[in-house]
Amino acid sequence: MALKINRDICTSCGDCEPVCPTKSIKPFKGTYKIEADTCTECEGEFDEPQCLKVCMEDDCIEYV
């Protein structure tokens, strides 16, 4: 499974990009996107996805 950034809600703050242990979060057309093929939802490294932990916008990052 992977996570997805809702571009309509993303404020492009960039807080999520540096905390991603798999470097799956990339800038994309003025906001950010999560590469589904490399996103592990931080399983095996953290108890919860780190991008969800730092994102200040409700429902910006969601499970696909």
C-alpha atoms as a PDB file:
ATOM      1  CA  MET A   1       0.000   0.000   0.000  1.00  0.00           C
ATOM      2  CA  ALA A   2       1.066   3.618  -0.337  1.00  0.00           C
ATOM      3  CA  LEU A   3       0.064   7.118   0.611  1.00  0.00           C
ATOM      4  CA  LYS A   4      -1.073   9.958  -1.630  1.00  0.00           C
ATOM      5  CA  ILE A   5      -0.898  13.733  -1.273  1.00  0.00           C
ATOM      6  CA  ASN A   6      -4.086  15.595  -2.117  1.00  0.00           C
ATOM      7  CA  ARG A   7      -2.810  18.462  -4.275  1.00  0.00           C
ATOM      8  CA  ASP A   8      -5.954  20.520  -3.595  1.00  0.00           C
ATOM      9  CA  ILE A   9      -5.115  20.606   0.116  1.00  0.00           C
ATOM     10  CA  CYS A  10      -1.292  20.631   0.015  1.00  0.00           C
ATOM     11  CA  THR A  11       0.167  24.036   0.913  1.00  0.00           C
ATOM     12  CA  SER A  12       3.645  23.128  -0.445  1.00  0.00           C
ATOM     13  CA  CYS A  13       5.221  23.714   2.953  1.00  0.00           C
ATOM     14  CA  GLY A  14       7.722  20.905   2.316  1.00  0.00           C
ATOM     15  CA  ASP A  15       7.641  19.507   5.862  1.00  0.00           C
ATOM     16  CA  CYS A  16       6.929  15.987   4.608  1.00  0.00           C
ATOM     17  CA  GLU A  17       9.803  15.645   2.134  1.00  0.00           C
ATOM     18  CA  PRO A  18      12.791  15.520   4.540  1.00  0.00           C
ATOM     19  CA  VAL A  19      11.123  13.111   6.997  1.00  0.00           C
ATOM     20  CA  CYS A  20      10.419  10.410   4.396  1.00  0.00           C
ATOM     21  CA  PRO A  21      12.881   7.559   5.062  1.00  0.00           C
ATOM     22  CA  THR A  22      12.500   6.147   1.536  1.00  0.00           C
ATOM     23  CA  LYS A  23      12.794   9.542  -0.207  1.00  0.00           C
ATOM     24  CA  SER A  24       9.435   8.837  -1.877  1.00  0.00           C
ATOM     25  CA  ILE A  25       8.126  12.396  -1.558  1.00  0.00           C
ATOM     26  CA  LYS A  26       9.106  14.630  -4.466  1.00  0.00           C
ATOM     27  CA  PRO A  27       8.180  18.151  -5.622  1.00  0.00           C
ATOM     28  CA  PHE A  28       5.534  17.972  -8.343  1.00  0.00           C
ATOM     29  CA  LYS A  29       3.886  20.858 -10.210  1.00  0.00           C
ATOM     30  CA  GLY A  30       4.066  23.329  -7.334  1.00  0.00           C
ATOM     31  CA  THR A  31       3.138  20.850  -4.592  1.00  0.00           C
ATOM     32  CA  TYR A  32       4.403  17.378  -3.680  1.00  0.00           C
ATOM     33  CA  LYS A  33       3.642  13.799  -4.628  1.00  0.00           C
ATOM     34  CA  ILE A  34       4.433  10.414  -3.132  1.00  0.00           C
ATOM     35  CA  GLU A  35       5.993   7.784  -5.381  1.00  0.00           C
ATOM     36  CA  ALA A  36       3.733   4.764  -4.799  1.00  0.00           C
ATOM     37  CA  ASP A  37       6.323   2.237  -5.967  1.00  0.00           C
ATOM     38  CA  THR A  38       8.784   3.205  -3.200  1.00  0.00           C
ATOM     39  CA  CYS A  39       6.463   4.311  -0.381  1.00  0.00           C
ATOM     40  CA  THR A  40       6.435   1.764   2.441  1.00  0.00           C
ATOM     41  CA  GLU A  41       4.224   3.797   4.820  1.00  0.00           C
ATOM     42  CA  CYS A  42       7.338   3.706   7.039  1.00  0.00           C
ATOM     43  CA  GLU A  43       6.655   0.064   7.948  1.00  0.00           C
ATOM     44  CA  GLY A  44       9.609  -1.492   9.688  1.00  0.00           C
ATOM     45  CA  GLU A  45      11.131   1.903  10.484  1.00  0.00           C
ATOM     46  CA  PHE A  46       8.468   3.844  12.420  1.00  0.00           C
ATOM     47  CA  ASP A  47       5.153   3.161  14.151  1.00  0.00           C
ATOM     48  CA  GLU A  48       3.320   5.578  11.839  1.00  0.00           C
ATOM     49  CA  PRO A  49       4.007   7.255   8.492  1.00  0.00           C
ATOM     50  CA  GLN A  50       6.261  10.203   9.197  1.00  0.00           C
ATOM     51  CA  CYS A  51       4.655  12.398   6.536  1.00  0.00           C
ATOM     52  CA  LEU A  52       1.279  12.023   8.274  1.00  0.00           C
ATOM     53  CA  LYS A  53       2.899  12.869  11.584  1.00  0.00           C
ATOM     54  CA  VAL A  54       4.335  16.201  10.384  1.00  0.00           C
ATOM     55  CA  CYS A  55       1.594  17.344   7.974  1.00  0.00           C
ATOM     56  CA  MET A  56      -0.405  20.234   9.434  1.00  0.00           C
ATOM     57  CA  GLU A  57      -3.261  19.996   6.918  1.00  0.00           C
ATOM     58  CA  ASP A  58      -6.152  17.643   7.691  1.00  0.00           C
ATOM     59  CA  ASP A  59      -6.744  15.005   5.005  1.00  0.00           C
ATOM     60  CA  CYS A  60      -3.832  16.227   2.873  1.00  0.00           C
ATOM     61  CA  ILE A  61      -2.091  12.849   2.970  1.00  0.00           C
ATOM     62  CA  GLU A  62      -4.298   9.824   2.592  1.00  0.00           C
ATOM     63  CA  TYR A  63      -4.070   6.074   2.130  1.00  0.00           C
ATOM     64  CA  VAL A  64      -4.694   4.770  -1.378  1.00  0.00           C
END
